[in-house]
C-alpha atoms as a PDB file:
ATOM      1  CA  UNK A   1      13.802  38.620 -11.399  1.00  0.00           C
ATOM      2  CA  UNK A   2      12.317  35.596  -9.690  1.00  0.00           C
ATOM      3  CA  UNK A   3      10.616  34.969 -13.040  1.00  0.00           C
ATOM      4  CA  UNK A   4      14.025  35.264 -15.148  1.00  0.00           C
ATOM      5  CA  UNK A   5      15.126  32.145 -12.875  1.00  0.00           C
ATOM      6  CA  UNK A   6      12.268  30.123 -12.776  1.00  0.00           C
ATOM      7  CA  UNK A   7      12.088  30.027 -16.463  1.00  0.00           C
ATOM      8  CA  UNK A   8      15.328  28.229 -17.035  1.00  0.00           C
ATOM      9  CA  UNK A   9      15.317  24.776 -16.816  1.00  0.00           C
ATOM     10  CA  UNK A  10      18.472  24.108 -14.976  1.00  0.00           C
ATOM     11  CA  UNK A  11      19.477  26.171 -12.308  1.00  0.00           C
ATOM     12  CA  UNK A  12      22.949  27.037 -10.768  1.00  0.00           C
ATOM     13  CA  UNK A  13      24.182  27.338  -7.500  1.00  0.00           C
ATOM     14  CA  UNK A  14      24.810  30.901  -8.496  1.00  0.00           C
ATOM     15  CA  UNK A  15      20.951  31.482  -9.610  1.00  0.00           C
ATOM     16  CA  UNK A  16      19.928  30.004  -6.298  1.00  0.00           C
ATOM     17  CA  UNK A  17      22.268  32.509  -4.156  1.00  0.00           C
ATOM     18  CA  UNK A  18      20.653  35.514  -6.036  1.00  0.00           C
ATOM     19  CA  UNK A  19      17.140  34.338  -4.915  1.00  0.00           C
ATOM     20  CA  UNK A  20      18.660  34.060  -1.441  1.00  0.00           C
ATOM     21  CA  UNK A  21      20.200  37.105  -1.623  1.00  0.00           C
ATOM     22  CA  UNK A  22      16.611  38.922  -2.573  1.00  0.00           C
ATOM     23  CA  UNK A  23      15.467  38.194   1.219  1.00  0.00           C
ATOM     24  CA  UNK A  24      15.396  41.222   3.017  1.00  0.00           C
ATOM     25  CA  UNK A  25      14.005  39.862   6.291  1.00  0.00           C
ATOM     26  CA  UNK A  26      15.869  40.032   9.756  1.00  0.00           C
ATOM     27  CA  UNK A  27      17.165  36.608  11.285  1.00  0.00           C
ATOM     28  CA  UNK A  28      15.051  35.597  14.268  1.00  0.00           C
ATOM     29  CA  UNK A  29      15.259  32.908  16.889  1.00  0.00           C
ATOM     30  CA  UNK A  30      12.404  30.813  15.327  1.00  0.00           C
ATOM     31  CA  UNK A  31      10.046  31.303  12.355  1.00  0.00           C
ATOM     32  CA  UNK A  32       7.068  29.077  11.081  1.00  0.00           C
ATOM     33  CA  UNK A  33       7.956  28.521   7.471  1.00  0.00           C
ATOM     34  CA  UNK A  34       5.475  26.225   6.527  1.00  0.00           C
ATOM     35  CA  UNK A  35       2.177  25.258   8.454  1.00  0.00           C
ATOM     36  CA  UNK A  36       3.448  23.907  11.814  1.00  0.00           C
ATOM     37  CA  UNK A  37       6.683  23.519  10.579  1.00  0.00           C
ATOM     38  CA  UNK A  38       9.581  25.903  12.269  1.00  0.00           C
ATOM     39  CA  UNK A  39      13.150  26.845  11.609  1.00  0.00           C
ATOM     40  CA  UNK A  40      15.132  28.125  14.606  1.00  0.00           C
ATOM     41  CA  UNK A  41      18.488  28.379  16.195  1.00  0.00           C
ATOM     42  CA  UNK A  42      20.060  26.368  18.760  1.00  0.00           C
ATOM     43  CA  UNK A  43      19.286  29.107  21.382  1.00  0.00           C
ATOM     44  CA  UNK A  44      15.416  28.413  21.026  1.00  0.00           C
ATOM     45  CA  UNK A  45      15.833  24.711  20.517  1.00  0.00           C
ATOM     46  CA  UNK A  46      17.431  24.548  24.044  1.00  0.00           C
ATOM     47  CA  UNK A  47      14.563  26.512  25.641  1.00  0.00           C
ATOM     48  CA  UNK A  48      12.376  23.773  26.493  1.00  0.00           C
ATOM     49  CA  UNK A  49       9.638  26.018  28.192  1.00  0.00           C
ATOM     50  CA  UNK A  50       9.507  28.073  25.144  1.00  0.00           C
ATOM     51  CA  UNK A  51       9.148  25.288  22.597  1.00  0.00           C
ATOM     52  CA  UNK A  52       6.134  24.111  24.931  1.00  0.00           C
ATOM     53  CA  UNK A  53       4.558  27.469  24.733  1.00  0.00           C
ATOM     54  CA  UNK A  54       4.906  27.104  21.135  1.00  0.00           C
ATOM     55  CA  UNK A  55       3.563  23.796  21.008  1.00  0.00           C
ATOM     56  CA  UNK A  56       6.448  22.132  19.673  1.00  0.00           C
ATOM     57  CA  UNK A  57       6.154  18.140  19.658  1.00  0.00           C
ATOM     58  CA  UNK A  58       8.901  17.222  17.502  1.00  0.00           C
ATOM     59  CA  UNK A  59      12.656  18.495  17.295  1.00  0.00           C
ATOM     60  CA  UNK A  60      14.937  17.492  14.285  1.00  0.00           C
ATOM     61  CA  UNK A  61      18.320  18.880  15.245  1.00  0.00           C
ATOM     62  CA  UNK A  62      20.772  18.899  12.046  1.00  0.00           C
ATOM     63  CA  UNK A  63      23.648  19.939  14.243  1.00  0.00           C
ATOM     64  CA  UNK A  64      23.322  16.927  16.653  1.00  0.00           C
ATOM     65  CA  UNK A  65      26.581  16.418  18.685  1.00  0.00           C
ATOM     66  CA  UNK A  66      28.129  19.298  17.221  1.00  0.00           C
ATOM     67  CA  UNK A  67      29.758  22.241  19.405  1.00  0.00           C
ATOM     68  CA  UNK A  68      27.176  24.513  21.050  1.00  0.00           C
ATOM     69  CA  UNK A  69      24.496  21.872  20.936  1.00  0.00           C
ATOM     70  CA  UNK A  70      23.345  19.723  23.713  1.00  0.00           C
ATOM     71  CA  UNK A  71      20.249  18.258  22.695  1.00  0.00           C
ATOM     72  CA  UNK A  72      19.313  14.716  22.434  1.00  0.00           C
ATOM     73  CA  UNK A  73      16.484  12.571  23.693  1.00  0.00           C
ATOM     74  CA  UNK A  74      17.347  12.485  27.382  1.00  0.00           C
ATOM     75  CA  UNK A  75      17.781  16.474  27.182  1.00  0.00           C
ATOM     76  CA  UNK A  76      14.063  16.764  25.931  1.00  0.00           C
ATOM     77  CA  UNK A  77      12.540  13.761  28.114  1.00  0.00           C
ATOM     78  CA  UNK A  78       9.087  12.693  27.069  1.00  0.00           C
ATOM     79  CA  UNK A  79       7.928  15.995  26.212  1.00  0.00           C
ATOM     80  CA  UNK A  80       9.264  15.770  22.809  1.00  0.00           C
ATOM     81  CA  UNK A  81      10.088  13.375  20.046  1.00  0.00           C
ATOM     82  CA  UNK A  82      13.806  14.132  18.928  1.00  0.00           C
ATOM     83  CA  UNK A  83      15.669  12.986  15.898  1.00  0.00           C
ATOM     84  CA  UNK A  84      19.445  14.047  15.675  1.00  0.00           C
ATOM     85  CA  UNK A  85      21.476  14.462  12.689  1.00  0.00           C
ATOM     86  CA  UNK A  86      25.227  14.969  12.807  1.00  0.00           C
ATOM     87  CA  UNK A  87      25.646  17.209  10.084  1.00  0.00           C
ATOM     88  CA  UNK A  88      28.752  19.734   9.575  1.00  0.00           C
ATOM     89  CA  UNK A  89      27.946  22.996   7.777  1.00  0.00           C
ATOM     90  CA  UNK A  90      30.877  22.439   5.350  1.00  0.00           C
ATOM     91  CA  UNK A  91      31.993  22.149   1.866  1.00  0.00           C
ATOM     92  CA  UNK A  92      32.497  18.604   1.851  1.00  0.00           C
ATOM     93  CA  UNK A  93      29.611  17.263   3.997  1.00  0.00           C
ATOM     94  CA  UNK A  94      27.190  14.655   2.335  1.00  0.00           C
ATOM     95  CA  UNK A  95      23.913  16.126   3.576  1.00  0.00           C
ATOM     96  CA  UNK A  96      21.887  14.238   0.932  1.00  0.00           C
ATOM     97  CA  UNK A  97      22.270  11.076   2.639  1.00  0.00           C
ATOM     98  CA  UNK A  98      19.822  12.609   5.242  1.00  0.00           C
ATOM     99  CA  UNK A  99      17.521  14.388   2.912  1.00  0.00           C
ATOM    100  CA  UNK A 100      15.083  11.238   2.633  1.00  0.00           C
ATOM    101  CA  UNK A 101      15.252  10.458   6.550  1.00  0.00           C
ATOM    102  CA  UNK A 102      14.875  13.829   7.595  1.00  0.00           C
ATOM    103  CA  UNK A 103      11.807  14.501   5.314  1.00  0.00           C
ATOM    104  CA  UNK A 104      10.303  11.290   6.592  1.00  0.00           C
ATOM    105  CA  UNK A 105      10.507  12.439  10.218  1.00  0.00           C
ATOM    106  CA  UNK A 106       9.090  15.725   9.291  1.00  0.00           C
ATOM    107  CA  UNK A 107       6.085  14.302   7.464  1.00  0.00           C
ATOM    108  CA  UNK A 108       5.292  11.640  10.013  1.00  0.00           C
ATOM    109  CA  UNK A 109       5.536  14.608  12.678  1.00  0.00           C
ATOM    110  CA  UNK A 110       3.170  16.993  11.033  1.00  0.00           C
ATOM    111  CA  UNK A 111       0.818  14.180  10.401  1.00  0.00           C
ATOM    112  CA  UNK A 112       0.395  13.403  14.177  1.00  0.00           C
ATOM    113  CA  UNK A 113      -2.338  15.095  15.976  1.00  0.00           C
ATOM    114  CA  UNK A 114      -1.415  18.740  17.015  1.00  0.00           C
ATOM    115  CA  UNK A 115       2.017  17.744  15.616  1.00  0.00           C
ATOM    116  CA  UNK A 116       4.634  20.854  15.391  1.00  0.00           C
ATOM    117  CA  UNK A 117       8.144  20.427  14.320  1.00  0.00           C
ATOM    118  CA  UNK A 118      11.184  22.673  14.983  1.00  0.00           C
ATOM    119  CA  UNK A 119      13.907  22.085  12.608  1.00  0.00           C
ATOM    120  CA  UNK A 120      17.051  23.665  14.131  1.00  0.00           C
ATOM    121  CA  UNK A 121      20.948  23.621  13.562  1.00  0.00           C
ATOM    122  CA  UNK A 122      23.361  26.415  14.954  1.00  0.00           C
ATOM    123  CA  UNK A 123      22.121  29.668  13.488  1.00  0.00           C
ATOM    124  CA  UNK A 124      18.890  28.322  11.911  1.00  0.00           C
ATOM    125  CA  UNK A 125      20.181  29.096   8.229  1.00  0.00           C
ATOM    126  CA  UNK A 126      22.315  26.551   6.501  1.00  0.00           C
ATOM    127  CA  UNK A 127      21.867  22.788   7.560  1.00  0.00           C
ATOM    128  CA  UNK A 128      18.320  23.255   9.007  1.00  0.00           C
ATOM    129  CA  UNK A 129      16.855  24.972   5.843  1.00  0.00           C
ATOM    130  CA  UNK A 130      18.580  22.498   3.516  1.00  0.00           C
ATOM    131  CA  UNK A 131      16.556  19.700   5.381  1.00  0.00           C
ATOM    132  CA  UNK A 132      13.238  21.603   5.102  1.00  0.00           C
ATOM    133  CA  UNK A 133      13.850  22.598   1.425  1.00  0.00           C
ATOM    134  CA  UNK A 134      14.457  18.646   0.796  1.00  0.00           C
ATOM    135  CA  UNK A 135      11.085  18.125   2.599  1.00  0.00           C
ATOM    136  CA  UNK A 136       9.197  20.352   0.458  1.00  0.00           C
ATOM    137  CA  UNK A 137      10.696  18.905  -2.631  1.00  0.00           C
ATOM    138  CA  UNK A 138      10.027  15.114  -1.765  1.00  0.00           C
ATOM    139  CA  UNK A 139       6.547  15.516  -0.070  1.00  0.00           C
ATOM    140  CA  UNK A 140       5.010  18.761  -1.623  1.00  0.00           C
ATOM    141  CA  UNK A 141       6.801  17.873  -5.014  1.00  0.00           C
ATOM    142  CA  UNK A 142       7.643  21.602  -5.255  1.00  0.00           C
ATOM    143  CA  UNK A 143      10.788  22.758  -7.534  1.00  0.00           C
ATOM    144  CA  UNK A 144      13.818  24.099  -5.586  1.00  0.00           C
ATOM    145  CA  UNK A 145      13.639  27.369  -6.472  1.00  0.00           C
ATOM    146  CA  UNK A 146      10.110  27.458  -5.723  1.00  0.00           C
ATOM    147  CA  UNK A 147      10.624  26.137  -1.959  1.00  0.00           C
ATOM    148  CA  UNK A 148      13.430  28.515  -1.609  1.00  0.00           C
ATOM    149  CA  UNK A 149      10.911  31.423  -2.517  1.00  0.00           C
ATOM    150  CA  UNK A 150       8.485  30.003  -0.226  1.00  0.00           C
ATOM    151  CA  UNK A 151      10.748  29.956   2.700  1.00  0.00           C
ATOM    152  CA  UNK A 152      12.292  33.233   2.119  1.00  0.00           C
ATOM    153  CA  UNK A 153       9.090  34.875   2.627  1.00  0.00           C
ATOM    154  CA  UNK A 154       9.128  33.649   6.294  1.00  0.00           C
ATOM    155  CA  UNK A 155      12.636  33.544   7.137  1.00  0.00           C
ATOM    156  CA  UNK A 156      16.181  34.530   6.038  1.00  0.00           C
ATOM    157  CA  UNK A 157      17.901  31.329   5.273  1.00  0.00           C
ATOM    158  CA  UNK A 158      21.244  30.610   3.357  1.00  0.00           C
ATOM    159  CA  UNK A 159      22.308  26.927   2.719  1.00  0.00           C
ATOM    160  CA  UNK A 160      25.951  26.941   1.842  1.00  0.00           C
ATOM    161  CA  UNK A 161      27.119  26.211  -1.709  1.00  0.00           C
ATOM    162  CA  UNK A 162      27.767  22.397  -1.133  1.00  0.00           C
ATOM    163  CA  UNK A 163      24.161  22.109   0.056  1.00  0.00           C
ATOM    164  CA  UNK A 164      22.612  23.787  -2.484  1.00  0.00           C
ATOM    165  CA  UNK A 165      24.723  21.801  -5.301  1.00  0.00           C
ATOM    166  CA  UNK A 166      23.083  18.408  -3.262  1.00  0.00           C
ATOM    167  CA  UNK A 167      19.528  20.138  -3.581  1.00  0.00           C
ATOM    168  CA  UNK A 168      20.177  20.738  -6.982  1.00  0.00           C
ATOM    169  CA  UNK A 169      20.972  17.034  -7.636  1.00  0.00           C
ATOM    170  CA  UNK A 170      17.764  16.227  -5.662  1.00  0.00           C
ATOM    171  CA  UNK A 171      15.585  18.771  -7.903  1.00  0.00           C
ATOM    172  CA  UNK A 172      17.241  16.953 -10.921  1.00  0.00           C
ATOM    173  CA  UNK A 173      16.089  13.585  -9.692  1.00  0.00           C
ATOM    174  CA  UNK A 174      12.537  15.144  -9.091  1.00  0.00           C
ATOM    175  CA  UNK A 175      12.447  16.397 -12.776  1.00  0.00           C
ATOM    176  CA  UNK A 176      13.564  13.015 -13.980  1.00  0.00           C
ATOM    177  CA  UNK A 177      10.842  11.234 -12.230  1.00  0.00           C
ATOM    178  CA  UNK A 178       8.309  13.396 -13.695  1.00  0.00           C
ATOM    179  CA  UNK A 179       9.778  12.543 -17.188  1.00  0.00           C
ATOM    180  CA  UNK A 180       9.869   8.649 -16.638  1.00  0.00           C
ATOM    181  CA  UNK A 181       7.514   6.758 -18.850  1.00  0.00           C
ATOM    182  CA  UNK A 182       4.083   5.506 -17.679  1.00  0.00           C
ATOM    183  CA  UNK A 183       4.664   1.602 -18.413  1.00  0.00           C
ATOM    184  CA  UNK A 184       1.992  -0.083 -20.017  1.00  0.00           C
ATOM    185  CA  UNK A 185       0.487  -2.578 -17.349  1.00  0.00           C
ATOM    186  CA  UNK A 186       0.687  -6.110 -18.731  1.00  0.00           C
ATOM    187  CA  UNK A 187      -2.322  -8.503 -18.060  1.00  0.00           C
ATOM    188  CA  UNK A 188      -1.410 -10.603 -14.837  1.00  0.00           C
ATOM    189  CA  UNK A 189      -1.806 -13.818 -16.828  1.00  0.00           C
ATOM    190  CA  UNK A 190       1.401 -12.899 -19.081  1.00  0.00           C
ATOM    191  CA  UNK A 191       3.938 -12.122 -16.710  1.00  0.00           C
ATOM    192  CA  UNK A 192       6.727 -11.942 -19.057  1.00  0.00           C
ATOM    193  CA  UNK A 193       8.353  -8.842 -20.038  1.00  0.00           C
ATOM    194  CA  UNK A 194      10.414  -8.097 -23.169  1.00  0.00           C
ATOM    195  CA  UNK A 195      12.861  -5.090 -22.972  1.00  0.00           C
ATOM    196  CA  UNK A 196      14.089  -4.211 -26.292  1.00  0.00           C
ATOM    197  CA  UNK A 197      15.639  -1.171 -28.369  1.00  0.00           C
ATOM    198  CA  UNK A 198      17.225  -1.582 -32.122  1.00  0.00           C
ATOM    199  CA  UNK A 199      19.756  -3.611 -31.374  1.00  0.00           C
ATOM    200  CA  UNK A 200      18.974  -4.925 -27.535  1.00  0.00           C
ATOM    201  CA  UNK A 201      22.578  -3.903 -26.556  1.00  0.00           C
ATOM    202  CA  UNK A 202      22.687  -0.530 -24.858  1.00  0.00           C
ATOM    203  CA  UNK A 203      19.313   1.155 -24.209  1.00  0.00           C
ATOM    204  CA  UNK A 204      17.426  -2.009 -23.139  1.00  0.00           C
ATOM    205  CA  UNK A 205      20.107  -3.683 -21.286  1.00  0.00           C
ATOM    206  CA  UNK A 206      20.412  -0.154 -19.275  1.00  0.00           C
ATOM    207  CA  UNK A 207      16.947  -0.269 -17.982  1.00  0.00           C
ATOM    208  CA  UNK A 208      17.239  -3.559 -17.167  1.00  0.00           C
ATOM    209  CA  UNK A 209      20.368  -3.071 -15.233  1.00  0.00           C
ATOM    210  CA  UNK A 210      18.659  -0.482 -13.151  1.00  0.00           C
ATOM    211  CA  UNK A 211      15.609  -2.321 -12.339  1.00  0.00           C
ATOM    212  CA  UNK A 212      17.774  -5.118 -10.826  1.00  0.00           C
ATOM    213  CA  UNK A 213      19.391  -2.389  -8.916  1.00  0.00           C
ATOM    214  CA  UNK A 214      16.124  -0.809  -7.611  1.00  0.00           C
ATOM    215  CA  UNK A 215      14.056  -3.861  -7.087  1.00  0.00           C
ATOM    216  CA  UNK A 216      16.472  -6.589  -6.346  1.00  0.00           C
ATOM    217  CA  UNK A 217      18.945  -4.291  -4.338  1.00  0.00           C
ATOM    218  CA  UNK A 218      21.828  -5.876  -6.911  1.00  0.00           C
ATOM    219  CA  UNK A 219      25.225  -3.398  -7.179  1.00  0.00           C
ATOM    220  CA  UNK A 220      25.853  -2.364 -10.552  1.00  0.00           C
ATOM    221  CA  UNK A 221      28.782  -4.741 -11.133  1.00  0.00           C
ATOM    222  CA  UNK A 222      26.757  -7.532  -9.735  1.00  0.00           C
ATOM    223  CA  UNK A 223      23.636  -6.941 -12.025  1.00  0.00           C
ATOM    224  CA  UNK A 224      26.036  -6.429 -15.147  1.00  0.00           C
ATOM    225  CA  UNK A 225      27.822 -10.071 -14.253  1.00  0.00           C
ATOM    226  CA  UNK A 226      24.309 -11.607 -14.146  1.00  0.00           C
ATOM    227  CA  UNK A 227      23.188 -10.381 -17.380  1.00  0.00           C
ATOM    228  CA  UNK A 228      26.505 -10.941 -19.416  1.00  0.00           C
ATOM    229  CA  UNK A 229      26.292 -14.578 -18.326  1.00  0.00           C
ATOM    230  CA  UNK A 230      22.954 -14.865 -20.214  1.00  0.00           C
ATOM    231  CA  UNK A 231      23.537 -12.164 -23.179  1.00  0.00           C
ATOM    232  CA  UNK A 232      25.917  -9.784 -24.742  1.00  0.00           C
ATOM    233  CA  UNK A 233      25.156  -6.289 -23.693  1.00  0.00           C
ATOM    234  CA  UNK A 234      27.031  -3.020 -24.038  1.00  0.00           C
ATOM    235  CA  UNK A 235      25.359   0.094 -22.526  1.00  0.00           C
ATOM    236  CA  UNK A 236      27.361   3.367 -23.883  1.00  0.00           C
ATOM    237  CA  UNK A 237      29.493   5.175 -21.999  1.00  0.00           C
ATOM    238  CA  UNK A 238      26.825   7.939 -20.809  1.00  0.00           C
ATOM    239  CA  UNK A 239      24.373   5.158 -19.764  1.00  0.00           C
ATOM    240  CA  UNK A 240      27.149   3.333 -17.498  1.00  0.00           C
ATOM    241  CA  UNK A 241      27.816   6.807 -15.666  1.00  0.00           C
ATOM    242  CA  UNK A 242      23.961   7.369 -14.999  1.00  0.00           C
ATOM    243  CA  UNK A 243      23.857   3.667 -13.885  1.00  0.00           C
ATOM    244  CA  UNK A 244      27.210   4.418 -11.582  1.00  0.00           C
ATOM    245  CA  UNK A 245      24.937   7.418 -10.181  1.00  0.00           C
ATOM    246  CA  UNK A 246      21.990   5.005  -9.356  1.00  0.00           C
ATOM    247  CA  UNK A 247      24.528   2.890  -7.762  1.00  0.00           C
ATOM    248  CA  UNK A 248      25.967   5.516  -5.587  1.00  0.00           C
ATOM    249  CA  UNK A 249      22.259   6.685  -4.541  1.00  0.00           C
ATOM    250  CA  UNK A 250      21.689   2.776  -3.782  1.00  0.00           C
ATOM    251  CA  UNK A 251      24.877   2.437  -1.419  1.00  0.00           C
ATOM    252  CA  UNK A 252      24.087   5.861   0.258  1.00  0.00           C
ATOM    253  CA  UNK A 253      20.554   4.377   1.076  1.00  0.00           C
ATOM    254  CA  UNK A 254      22.300   1.835   3.103  1.00  0.00           C
ATOM    255  CA  UNK A 255      24.561   4.105   4.889  1.00  0.00           C
ATOM    256  CA  UNK A 256      21.637   5.872   5.952  1.00  0.00           C
ATOM    257  CA  UNK A 257      21.692   7.186   9.890  1.00  0.00           C
ATOM    258  CA  UNK A 258      19.553   5.024  12.154  1.00  0.00           C
ATOM    259  CA  UNK A 259      17.185   7.956  13.538  1.00  0.00           C
ATOM    260  CA  UNK A 260      17.540   8.601  17.068  1.00  0.00           C
END
């Protein structure tokens, strides 16, 4: 069954739920799902003596300020490095805003001497596991289906359908990154670039707009206005929709939380 899903280029939320349903493990308070990386529930997260016995050094709380979760840096003192993300386990919460900062926190923690990380929420099934899956995709380049299969060998998890959809979007970005063209390097003495297609209106202008958004942090509407002062362009509707998606990612990046 696993091979059936991995052979599909694009998976659906239903496909992922079938993989998650294949896990027969009982739910524990805490499990090591990756070397020195643990997923657990709020009970173990608030047991500081147990965490110290396990050697936990960093705590990522995906239910920060939520009912039942009392953890913050004051609670843990100097014994642990704490990061809080106020995520809601709901069908509308934009957890993807926190994928990259959470993954960065995990990555840095695991690269500290003797670093061990606990990622938790309330049950240790949805919010916390989604952030760990994002970390495996972003820093270990695992496809989403492979990351899920890796985790369910160690722990019973079940991200909600909204989070699975957001993780599928992240997986699509990962795939697109692998399909990007390898740009030919220009001699440094030239320093002038021509971007062209057939008419120089749609494909080429879309790439230039993406460059202005990614490297000069211009909003899409500002980038378009800047270009049309110099040249008549007209990206097709599909390219405009993709550029709008890129612009939304840029805006979300600016709204990222300041890690506690």
